[in-house]
Amino acid sequence: PSAPVHEDDEFVAIRDIAPAAPTHILVLPRQEGVTGPSDLTGDDAPWVGRMVVLATQIAHAQGLVDGGYRLIMNCGADAGQTVPHLHLHILGGRALHGLG
């Protein structure tokens, strides 16, 4: 349960219940059937592009642009995907070290 940071006909964005950074927001498409990035096809490019643009708009609204932020899409268990539904993580609010 989390109050939406953003909500429209295509996407909902919520704060992660186990944040990995001071700001950790998930952008979830309302589209059904896409379990991860490996399910995407060329036909998905328009809405995936809109999801990335929305994530950058949310990052800007959260004040993350000056310090920087990370967008992450995990694919499979070895990558850390724990929810079988495609979603995009927005992480920021501190220096993010490690992979990337």
PDB file of N, CA and C in Angstrom:
ATOM      1  N   PRO A   1       0.834  -1.205   0.000  1.00  0.00           N
ATOM      2  CA  PRO A   1       0.000   0.000   0.000  1.00  0.00           C
ATOM      3  C   PRO A   1       0.866   1.251   0.000  1.00  0.00           C
ATOM      4  N   SER A   2       0.638   2.086  -0.974  1.00  0.00           N
ATOM      5  CA  SER A   2       1.412   3.315  -1.091  1.00  0.00           C
ATOM      6  C   SER A   2       0.592   4.327  -1.872  1.00  0.00           C
ATOM      7  N   ALA A   3       0.623   5.562  -1.426  1.00  0.00           N
ATOM      8  CA  ALA A   3      -0.076   6.614  -2.154  1.00  0.00           C
ATOM      9  C   ALA A   3       0.652   6.858  -3.470  1.00  0.00           C
ATOM     10  N   PRO A   4      -0.068   6.953  -4.574  1.00  0.00           N
ATOM     11  CA  PRO A   4       0.593   7.179  -5.863  1.00  0.00           C
ATOM     12  C   PRO A   4       1.352   8.511  -5.905  1.00  0.00           C
ATOM     13  N   VAL A   5       2.535   8.469  -6.491  1.00  0.00           N
ATOM     14  CA  VAL A   5       3.304   9.670  -6.800  1.00  0.00           C
ATOM     15  C   VAL A   5       2.779  10.254  -8.111  1.00  0.00           C
ATOM     16  N   HIS A   6       2.318   9.349  -8.976  1.00  0.00           N
ATOM     17  CA  HIS A   6       1.743   9.714 -10.276  1.00  0.00           C
ATOM     18  C   HIS A   6       0.762   8.620 -10.668  1.00  0.00           C
ATOM     19  N   GLU A   7      -0.299   9.034 -11.355  1.00  0.00           N
ATOM     20  CA  GLU A   7      -1.264   8.062 -11.843  1.00  0.00           C
ATOM     21  C   GLU A   7      -1.953   8.621 -13.076  1.00  0.00           C
ATOM     22  N   ASP A   8      -2.013   7.807 -14.139  1.00  0.00           N
ATOM     23  CA  ASP A   8      -2.761   8.180 -15.337  1.00  0.00           C
ATOM     24  C   ASP A   8      -3.303   6.894 -15.966  1.00  0.00           C
ATOM     25  N   ASP A   9      -3.821   6.973 -17.178  1.00  0.00           N
ATOM     26  CA  ASP A   9      -4.426   5.813 -17.825  1.00  0.00           C
ATOM     27  C   ASP A   9      -3.418   4.717 -18.151  1.00  0.00           C
ATOM     28  N   GLU A  10      -2.137   5.080 -18.326  1.00  0.00           N
ATOM     29  CA  GLU A  10      -1.114   4.112 -18.728  1.00  0.00           C
ATOM     30  C   GLU A  10      -0.230   3.618 -17.600  1.00  0.00           C
ATOM     31  N   PHE A  11       0.031   4.478 -16.612  1.00  0.00           N
ATOM     32  CA  PHE A  11       1.042   4.168 -15.597  1.00  0.00           C
ATOM     33  C   PHE A  11       0.603   4.599 -14.208  1.00  0.00           C
ATOM     34  N   VAL A  12       1.176   3.930 -13.222  1.00  0.00           N
ATOM     35  CA  VAL A  12       1.077   4.374 -11.843  1.00  0.00           C
ATOM     36  C   VAL A  12       2.504   4.354 -11.282  1.00  0.00           C
ATOM     37  N   ALA A  13       2.841   5.358 -10.483  1.00  0.00           N
ATOM     38  CA  ALA A  13       4.157   5.428  -9.845  1.00  0.00           C
ATOM     39  C   ALA A  13       3.941   5.511  -8.340  1.00  0.00           C
ATOM     40  N   ILE A  14       4.654   4.646  -7.612  1.00  0.00           N
ATOM     41  CA  ILE A  14       4.532   4.590  -6.155  1.00  0.00           C
ATOM     42  C   ILE A  14       5.922   4.525  -5.528  1.00  0.00           C
ATOM     43  N   ARG A  15       5.998   4.860  -4.252  1.00  0.00           N
ATOM     44  CA  ARG A  15       7.260   4.729  -3.523  1.00  0.00           C
ATOM     45  C   ARG A  15       7.474   3.261  -3.168  1.00  0.00           C
ATOM     46  N   ASP A  16       8.718   2.802  -3.310  1.00  0.00           N
ATOM     47  CA  ASP A  16       9.055   1.419  -2.990  1.00  0.00           C
ATOM     48  C   ASP A  16       8.923   1.201  -1.482  1.00  0.00           C
ATOM     49  N   ILE A  17       8.359   0.057  -1.079  1.00  0.00           N
ATOM     50  CA  ILE A  17       8.175  -0.215   0.353  1.00  0.00           C
ATOM     51  C   ILE A  17       9.481  -0.622   1.032  1.00  0.00           C
ATOM     52  N   ALA A  18      10.499  -0.975   0.258  1.00  0.00           N
ATOM     53  CA  ALA A  18      11.819  -1.307   0.793  1.00  0.00           C
ATOM     54  C   ALA A  18      12.851  -0.488   0.018  1.00  0.00           C
ATOM     55  N   PRO A  19      12.906   0.830   0.254  1.00  0.00           N
ATOM     56  CA  PRO A  19      13.743   1.698  -0.578  1.00  0.00           C
ATOM     57  C   PRO A  19      15.232   1.392  -0.485  1.00  0.00           C
ATOM     58  N   ALA A  20      15.887   1.443  -1.649  1.00  0.00           N
ATOM     59  CA  ALA A  20      17.336   1.249  -1.742  1.00  0.00           C
ATOM     60  C   ALA A  20      18.071   2.579  -1.782  1.00  0.00           C
ATOM     61  N   ALA A  21      17.335   3.679  -1.747  1.00  0.00           N
ATOM     62  CA  ALA A  21      17.898   5.030  -1.764  1.00  0.00           C
ATOM     63  C   ALA A  21      16.863   5.949  -1.112  1.00  0.00           C
ATOM     64  N   PRO A  22      17.264   7.150  -0.709  1.00  0.00           N
ATOM     65  CA  PRO A  22      16.296   8.061  -0.100  1.00  0.00           C
ATOM     66  C   PRO A  22      15.042   8.288  -0.956  1.00  0.00           C
ATOM     67  N   THR A  23      15.232   8.376  -2.264  1.00  0.00           N
ATOM     68  CA  THR A  23      14.097   8.404  -3.184  1.00  0.00           C
ATOM     69  C   THR A  23      14.145   7.127  -3.996  1.00  0.00           C
ATOM     70  N   HIS A  24      13.094   6.326  -3.888  1.00  0.00           N
ATOM     71  CA  HIS A  24      13.007   5.063  -4.639  1.00  0.00           C
ATOM     72  C   HIS A  24      11.550   4.909  -5.053  1.00  0.00           C
ATOM     73  N   ILE A  25      11.303   5.190  -6.312  1.00  0.00           N
ATOM     74  CA  ILE A  25       9.949   5.181  -6.860  1.00  0.00           C
ATOM     75  C   ILE A  25       9.871   4.126  -7.960  1.00  0.00           C
ATOM     76  N   LEU A  26       8.767   3.409  -7.999  1.00  0.00           N
ATOM     77  CA  LEU A  26       8.518   2.417  -9.034  1.00  0.00           C
ATOM     78  C   LEU A  26       7.502   2.977 -10.012  1.00  0.00           C
ATOM     79  N   VAL A  27       7.793   2.865 -11.302  1.00  0.00           N
ATOM     80  CA  VAL A  27       6.843   3.239 -12.350  1.00  0.00           C
ATOM     81  C   VAL A  27       6.352   1.935 -12.962  1.00  0.00           C
ATOM     82  N   LEU A  28       5.045   1.705 -12.846  1.00  0.00           N
ATOM     83  CA  LEU A  28       4.447   0.453 -13.303  1.00  0.00           C
ATOM     84  C   LEU A  28       3.461   0.727 -14.433  1.00  0.00           C
ATOM     85  N   PRO A  29       3.616   0.023 -15.547  1.00  0.00           N
ATOM     86  CA  PRO A  29       2.628   0.170 -16.607  1.00  0.00           C
ATOM     87  C   PRO A  29       1.347  -0.553 -16.211  1.00  0.00           C
ATOM     88  N   ARG A  30       0.235  -0.022 -16.617  1.00  0.00           N
ATOM     89  CA  ARG A  30      -1.046  -0.684 -16.366  1.00  0.00           C
ATOM     90  C   ARG A  30      -1.264  -1.837 -17.346  1.00  0.00           C
ATOM     91  N   GLN A  31      -0.450  -1.873 -18.403  1.00  0.00           N
ATOM     92  CA  GLN A  31      -0.555  -2.925 -19.418  1.00  0.00           C
ATOM     93  C   GLN A  31      -0.278  -4.287 -18.786  1.00  0.00           C
ATOM     94  N   GLU A  32      -1.104  -5.258 -19.118  1.00  0.00           N
ATOM     95  CA  GLU A  32      -0.966  -6.614 -18.581  1.00  0.00           C
ATOM     96  C   GLU A  32      -0.093  -7.469 -19.491  1.00  0.00           C
ATOM     97  N   GLY A  33       0.484  -8.509 -18.932  1.00  0.00           N
ATOM     98  CA  GLY A  33       1.138  -9.529 -19.732  1.00  0.00           C
ATOM     99  C   GLY A  33       2.624  -9.366 -19.958  1.00  0.00           C
ATOM    100  N   VAL A  34       3.194  -8.225 -19.625  1.00  0.00           N
ATOM    101  CA  VAL A  34       4.636  -8.038 -19.811  1.00  0.00           C
ATOM    102  C   VAL A  34       5.298  -8.270 -18.454  1.00  0.00           C
ATOM    103  N   THR A  35       6.016  -9.389 -18.346  1.00  0.00           N
ATOM    104  CA  THR A  35       6.595  -9.740 -17.050  1.00  0.00           C
ATOM    105  C   THR A  35       7.984  -9.142 -16.827  1.00  0.00           C
ATOM    106  N   GLY A  36       8.641  -8.724 -17.895  1.00  0.00           N
ATOM    107  CA  GLY A  36       9.965  -8.142 -17.750  1.00  0.00           C
ATOM    108  C   GLY A  36      10.471  -7.641 -19.082  1.00  0.00           C
ATOM    109  N   PRO A  37      11.639  -7.019 -19.095  1.00  0.00           N
ATOM    110  CA  PRO A  37      12.190  -6.471 -20.330  1.00  0.00           C
ATOM    111  C   PRO A  37      12.335  -7.500 -21.451  1.00  0.00           C
ATOM    112  N   SER A  38      12.574  -8.762 -21.103  1.00  0.00           N
ATOM    113  CA  SER A  38      12.762  -9.770 -22.147  1.00  0.00           C
ATOM    114  C   SER A  38      11.477 -10.063 -22.918  1.00  0.00           C
ATOM    115  N   ASP A  39      10.335  -9.645 -22.407  1.00  0.00           N
ATOM    116  CA  ASP A  39       9.059  -9.825 -23.109  1.00  0.00           C
ATOM    117  C   ASP A  39       8.779  -8.719 -24.119  1.00  0.00           C
ATOM    118  N   LEU A  40       9.553  -7.652 -24.091  1.00  0.00           N
ATOM    119  CA  LEU A  40       9.276  -6.502 -24.954  1.00  0.00           C
ATOM    120  C   LEU A  40       9.588  -6.800 -26.418  1.00  0.00           C
ATOM    121  N   THR A  41       8.801  -6.181 -27.287  1.00  0.00           N
ATOM    122  CA  THR A  41       9.031  -6.267 -28.727  1.00  0.00           C
ATOM    123  C   THR A  41       9.054  -4.850 -29.284  1.00  0.00           C
ATOM    124  N   GLY A  42       9.331  -4.726 -30.558  1.00  0.00           N
ATOM    125  CA  GLY A  42       9.319  -3.416 -31.204  1.00  0.00           C
ATOM    126  C   GLY A  42       7.977  -2.717 -31.083  1.00  0.00           C
ATOM    127  N   ASP A  43       6.907  -3.478 -31.016  1.00  0.00           N
ATOM    128  CA  ASP A  43       5.575  -2.884 -30.867  1.00  0.00           C
ATOM    129  C   ASP A  43       5.403  -2.171 -29.533  1.00  0.00           C
ATOM    130  N   ASP A  44       6.230  -2.519 -28.536  1.00  0.00           N
ATOM    131  CA  ASP A  44       6.138  -1.907 -27.209  1.00  0.00           C
ATOM    132  C   ASP A  44       6.903  -0.591 -27.099  1.00  0.00           C
ATOM    133  N   ALA A  45       7.711  -0.267 -28.094  1.00  0.00           N
ATOM    134  CA  ALA A  45       8.573   0.919 -28.027  1.00  0.00           C
ATOM    135  C   ALA A  45       7.817   2.209 -27.684  1.00  0.00           C
ATOM    136  N   PRO A  46       6.650   2.480 -28.256  1.00  0.00           N
ATOM    137  CA  PRO A  46       5.972   3.743 -27.922  1.00  0.00           C
ATOM    138  C   PRO A  46       5.630   3.882 -26.442  1.00  0.00           C
ATOM    139  N   TRP A  47       5.030   2.866 -25.846  1.00  0.00           N
ATOM    140  CA  TRP A  47       4.650   3.030 -24.436  1.00  0.00           C
ATOM    141  C   TRP A  47       5.845   2.911 -23.501  1.00  0.00           C
ATOM    142  N   VAL A  48       6.862   2.108 -23.867  1.00  0.00           N
ATOM    143  CA  VAL A  48       8.068   2.038 -23.039  1.00  0.00           C
ATOM    144  C   VAL A  48       8.786   3.385 -23.077  1.00  0.00           C
ATOM    145  N   GLY A  49       8.827   4.012 -24.243  1.00  0.00           N
ATOM    146  CA  GLY A  49       9.408   5.356 -24.343  1.00  0.00           C
ATOM    147  C   GLY A  49       8.664   6.346 -23.473  1.00  0.00           C
ATOM    148  N   ARG A  50       7.336   6.270 -23.469  1.00  0.00           N
ATOM    149  CA  ARG A  50       6.544   7.175 -22.613  1.00  0.00           C
ATOM    150  C   ARG A  50       6.816   6.899 -21.135  1.00  0.00           C
ATOM    151  N   MET A  51       7.058   5.623 -20.784  1.00  0.00           N
ATOM    152  CA  MET A  51       7.367   5.286 -19.391  1.00  0.00           C
ATOM    153  C   MET A  51       8.699   5.907 -18.966  1.00  0.00           C
ATOM    154  N   VAL A  52       9.704   5.852 -19.840  1.00  0.00           N
ATOM    155  CA  VAL A  52      11.005   6.448 -19.521  1.00  0.00           C
ATOM    156  C   VAL A  52      10.879   7.966 -19.409  1.00  0.00           C
ATOM    157  N   VAL A  53      10.146   8.586 -20.322  1.00  0.00           N
ATOM    158  CA  VAL A  53       9.947  10.043 -20.242  1.00  0.00           C
ATOM    159  C   VAL A  53       9.219  10.405 -18.946  1.00  0.00           C
ATOM    160  N   LEU A  54       8.198   9.640 -18.585  1.00  0.00           N
ATOM    161  CA  LEU A  54       7.486   9.886 -17.325  1.00  0.00           C
ATOM    162  C   LEU A  54       8.447   9.772 -16.140  1.00  0.00           C
ATOM    163  N   ALA A  55       9.306   8.752 -16.148  1.00  0.00           N
ATOM    164  CA  ALA A  55      10.264   8.581 -15.054  1.00  0.00           C
ATOM    165  C   ALA A  55      11.179   9.796 -14.932  1.00  0.00           C
ATOM    166  N   THR A  56      11.620  10.355 -16.036  1.00  0.00           N
ATOM    167  CA  THR A  56      12.479  11.549 -15.965  1.00  0.00           C
ATOM    168  C   THR A  56      11.689  12.744 -15.452  1.00  0.00           C
ATOM    169  N   GLN A  57      10.416  12.847 -15.803  1.00  0.00           N
ATOM    170  CA  GLN A  57       9.580  13.935 -15.286  1.00  0.00           C
ATOM    171  C   GLN A  57       9.379  13.799 -13.779  1.00  0.00           C
ATOM    172  N   ILE A  58       9.173  12.573 -13.308  1.00  0.00           N
ATOM    173  CA  ILE A  58       9.025  12.334 -11.871  1.00  0.00           C
ATOM    174  C   ILE A  58      10.331  12.657 -11.155  1.00  0.00           C
ATOM    175  N   ALA A  59      11.466  12.240 -11.714  1.00  0.00           N
ATOM    176  CA  ALA A  59      12.771  12.547 -11.111  1.00  0.00           C
ATOM    177  C   ALA A  59      12.958  14.051 -10.985  1.00  0.00           C
ATOM    178  N   HIS A  60      12.564  14.785 -12.011  1.00  0.00           N
ATOM    179  CA  HIS A  60      12.670  16.245 -11.965  1.00  0.00           C
ATOM    180  C   HIS A  60      11.779  16.800 -10.856  1.00  0.00           C
ATOM    181  N   ALA A  61      10.537  16.330 -10.792  1.00  0.00           N
ATOM    182  CA  ALA A  61       9.592  16.815  -9.773  1.00  0.00           C
ATOM    183  C   ALA A  61      10.052  16.472  -8.354  1.00  0.00           C
ATOM    184  N   GLN A  62      10.824  15.395  -8.211  1.00  0.00           N
ATOM    185  CA  GLN A  62      11.341  14.979  -6.903  1.00  0.00           C
ATOM    186  C   GLN A  62      12.650  15.682  -6.546  1.00  0.00           C
ATOM    187  N   GLY A  63      13.140  16.557  -7.422  1.00  0.00           N
ATOM    188  CA  GLY A  63      14.368  17.298  -7.148  1.00  0.00           C
ATOM    189  C   GLY A  63      15.637  16.481  -7.325  1.00  0.00           C
ATOM    190  N   LEU A  64      15.608  15.473  -8.175  1.00  0.00           N
ATOM    191  CA  LEU A  64      16.759  14.583  -8.337  1.00  0.00           C
ATOM    192  C   LEU A  64      17.698  14.978  -9.470  1.00  0.00           C
ATOM    193  N   VAL A  65      17.303  15.907 -10.319  1.00  0.00           N
ATOM    194  CA  VAL A  65      18.069  16.191 -11.532  1.00  0.00           C
ATOM    195  C   VAL A  65      19.450  16.754 -11.233  1.00  0.00           C
ATOM    196  N   ASP A  66      19.571  17.686 -10.322  1.00  0.00           N
ATOM    197  CA  ASP A  66      20.870  18.301 -10.060  1.00  0.00           C
ATOM    198  C   ASP A  66      21.891  17.300  -9.519  1.00  0.00           C
ATOM    199  N   GLY A  67      21.492  16.457  -8.581  1.00  0.00           N
ATOM    200  CA  GLY A  67      22.407  15.482  -8.004  1.00  0.00           C
ATOM    201  C   GLY A  67      22.556  14.226  -8.837  1.00  0.00           C
ATOM    202  N   GLY A  68      21.568  13.965  -9.659  1.00  0.00           N
ATOM    203  CA  GLY A  68      21.584  12.772 -10.496  1.00  0.00           C
ATOM    204  C   GLY A  68      20.675  11.685  -9.952  1.00  0.00           C
ATOM    205  N   TYR A  69      20.326  10.781 -10.820  1.00  0.00           N
ATOM    206  CA  TYR A  69      19.450   9.667 -10.446  1.00  0.00           C
ATOM    207  C   TYR A  69      19.724   8.501 -11.371  1.00  0.00           C
ATOM    208  N   ARG A  70      19.182   7.358 -11.014  1.00  0.00           N
ATOM    209  CA  ARG A  70      19.376   6.141 -11.790  1.00  0.00           C
ATOM    210  C   ARG A  70      18.010   5.563 -12.141  1.00  0.00           C
ATOM    211  N   LEU A  71      17.873   5.103 -13.386  1.00  0.00           N
ATOM    212  CA  LEU A  71      16.697   4.367 -13.823  1.00  0.00           C
ATOM    213  C   LEU A  71      17.117   2.915 -14.008  1.00  0.00           C
ATOM    214  N   ILE A  72      16.372   1.987 -13.407  1.00  0.00           N
ATOM    215  CA  ILE A  72      16.733   0.571 -13.463  1.00  0.00           C
ATOM    216  C   ILE A  72      15.517  -0.254 -13.854  1.00  0.00           C
ATOM    217  N   MET A  73      15.751  -1.204 -14.759  1.00  0.00           N
ATOM    218  CA  MET A  73      14.750  -2.191 -15.117  1.00  0.00           C
ATOM    219  C   MET A  73      15.427  -3.553 -14.963  1.00  0.00           C
ATOM    220  N   ASN A  74      15.010  -4.347 -13.996  1.00  0.00           N
ATOM    221  CA  ASN A  74      15.605  -5.657 -13.756  1.00  0.00           C
ATOM    222  C   ASN A  74      14.933  -6.715 -14.627  1.00  0.00           C
ATOM    223  N   CYS A  75      15.718  -7.718 -15.042  1.00  0.00           N
ATOM    224  CA  CYS A  75      15.193  -8.792 -15.880  1.00  0.00           C
ATOM    225  C   CYS A  75      15.687 -10.131 -15.345  1.00  0.00           C
ATOM    226  N   GLY A  76      14.840 -10.840 -14.617  1.00  0.00           N
ATOM    227  CA  GLY A  76      15.184 -12.157 -14.102  1.00  0.00           C
ATOM    228  C   GLY A  76      15.747 -12.129 -12.691  1.00  0.00           C
ATOM    229  N   ALA A  77      15.746 -13.307 -12.091  1.00  0.00           N
ATOM    230  CA  ALA A  77      16.163 -13.443 -10.694  1.00  0.00           C
ATOM    231  C   ALA A  77      17.611 -13.007 -10.456  1.00  0.00           C
ATOM    232  N   ASP A  78      18.520 -13.344 -11.359  1.00  0.00           N
ATOM    233  CA  ASP A  78      19.926 -12.976 -11.164  1.00  0.00           C
ATOM    234  C   ASP A  78      20.141 -11.464 -11.201  1.00  0.00           C
ATOM    235  N   ALA A  79      19.218 -10.744 -11.813  1.00  0.00           N
ATOM    236  CA  ALA A  79      19.307  -9.287 -11.861  1.00  0.00           C
ATOM    237  C   ALA A  79      18.592  -8.638 -10.681  1.00  0.00           C
ATOM    238  N   GLY A  80      17.921  -9.440  -9.874  1.00  0.00           N
ATOM    239  CA  GLY A  80      17.229  -8.904  -8.714  1.00  0.00           C
ATOM    240  C   GLY A  80      15.746  -8.657  -8.927  1.00  0.00           C
ATOM    241  N   GLN A  81      15.184  -9.145 -10.034  1.00  0.00           N
ATOM    242  CA  GLN A  81      13.752  -8.960 -10.261  1.00  0.00           C
ATOM    243  C   GLN A  81      12.980  -9.875  -9.317  1.00  0.00           C
ATOM    244  N   THR A  82      12.166  -9.280  -8.454  1.00  0.00           N
ATOM    245  CA  THR A  82      11.400 -10.045  -7.480  1.00  0.00           C
ATOM    246  C   THR A  82       9.906 -10.026  -7.765  1.00  0.00           C
ATOM    247  N   VAL A  83       9.468  -9.149  -8.661  1.00  0.00           N
ATOM    248  CA  VAL A  83       8.059  -9.040  -9.026  1.00  0.00           C
ATOM    249  C   VAL A  83       7.939  -9.358 -10.512  1.00  0.00           C
ATOM    250  N   PRO A  84       7.108 -10.335 -10.897  1.00  0.00           N
ATOM    251  CA  PRO A  84       7.013 -10.720 -12.305  1.00  0.00           C
ATOM    252  C   PRO A  84       6.092  -9.805 -13.117  1.00  0.00           C
ATOM    253  N   HIS A  85       6.388  -8.532 -13.079  1.00  0.00           N
ATOM    254  CA  HIS A  85       5.650  -7.528 -13.851  1.00  0.00           C
ATOM    255  C   HIS A  85       6.654  -6.433 -14.177  1.00  0.00           C
ATOM    256  N   LEU A  86       6.753  -6.074 -15.454  1.00  0.00           N
ATOM    257  CA  LEU A  86       7.716  -5.054 -15.856  1.00  0.00           C
ATOM    258  C   LEU A  86       7.481  -3.767 -15.074  1.00  0.00           C
ATOM    259  N   HIS A  87       8.538  -3.191 -14.552  1.00  0.00           N
ATOM    260  CA  HIS A  87       8.471  -1.907 -13.857  1.00  0.00           C
ATOM    261  C   HIS A  87       9.844  -1.243 -13.911  1.00  0.00           C
ATOM    262  N   LEU A  88       9.841   0.050 -13.692  1.00  0.00           N
ATOM    263  CA  LEU A  88      11.056   0.860 -13.775  1.00  0.00           C
ATOM    264  C   LEU A  88      11.305   1.499 -12.415  1.00  0.00           C
ATOM    265  N   HIS A  89      12.526   1.356 -11.904  1.00  0.00           N
ATOM    266  CA  HIS A  89      12.914   1.964 -10.630  1.00  0.00           C
ATOM    267  C   HIS A  89      13.547   3.330 -10.896  1.00  0.00           C
ATOM    268  N   ILE A  90      13.172   4.306 -10.091  1.00  0.00           N
ATOM    269  CA  ILE A  90      13.850   5.612 -10.060  1.00  0.00           C
ATOM    270  C   ILE A  90      14.539   5.682  -8.704  1.00  0.00           C
ATOM    271  N   LEU A  91      15.871   5.798  -8.715  1.00  0.00           N
ATOM    272  CA  LEU A  91      16.652   5.866  -7.475  1.00  0.00           C
ATOM    273  C   LEU A  91      17.438   7.167  -7.445  1.00  0.00           C
ATOM    274  N   GLY A  92      17.437   7.824  -6.304  1.00  0.00           N
ATOM    275  CA  GLY A  92      18.225   9.046  -6.169  1.00  0.00           C
ATOM    276  C   GLY A  92      18.190   9.557  -4.736  1.00  0.00           C
ATOM    277  N   GLY A  93      18.744  10.734  -4.567  1.00  0.00           N
ATOM    278  CA  GLY A  93      18.753  11.356  -3.249  1.00  0.00           C
ATOM    279  C   GLY A  93      20.064  11.184  -2.501  1.00  0.00           C
ATOM    280  N   ARG A  94      20.993  10.442  -3.086  1.00  0.00           N
ATOM    281  CA  ARG A  94      22.345  10.270  -2.521  1.00  0.00           C
ATOM    282  C   ARG A  94      23.228   9.723  -3.634  1.00  0.00           C
ATOM    283  N   ALA A  95      24.531   9.698  -3.383  1.00  0.00           N
ATOM    284  CA  ALA A  95      25.458   9.113  -4.356  1.00  0.00           C
ATOM    285  C   ALA A  95      25.153   7.625  -4.484  1.00  0.00           C
ATOM    286  N   LEU A  96      25.035   7.146  -5.706  1.00  0.00           N
ATOM    287  CA  LEU A  96      24.735   5.750  -5.986  1.00  0.00           C
ATOM    288  C   LEU A  96      25.981   5.104  -6.582  1.00  0.00           C
ATOM    289  N   HIS A  97      26.619   4.263  -5.810  1.00  0.00           N
ATOM    290  CA  HIS A  97      27.849   3.609  -6.254  1.00  0.00           C
ATOM    291  C   HIS A  97      27.563   2.170  -6.662  1.00  0.00           C
ATOM    292  N   GLY A  98      28.523   1.509  -7.196  1.00  0.00           N
ATOM    293  CA  GLY A  98      28.354   0.103  -7.564  1.00  0.00           C
ATOM    294  C   GLY A  98      28.105  -0.028  -9.045  1.00  0.00           C
ATOM    295  N   LEU A  99      27.314  -0.995  -9.403  1.00  0.00           N
ATOM    296  CA  LEU A  99      27.028  -1.263 -10.806  1.00  0.00           C
ATOM    297  C   LEU A  99      26.435  -0.039 -11.486  1.00  0.00           C
ATOM    298  N   GLY A 100      26.717   0.107 -12.732  1.00  0.00           N
ATOM    299  CA  GLY A 100      26.092   1.189 -13.469  1.00  0.00           C
ATOM    300  C   GLY A 100      27.084   1.878 -14.302  1.00  0.00           C
TER     301      GLY A 100
END
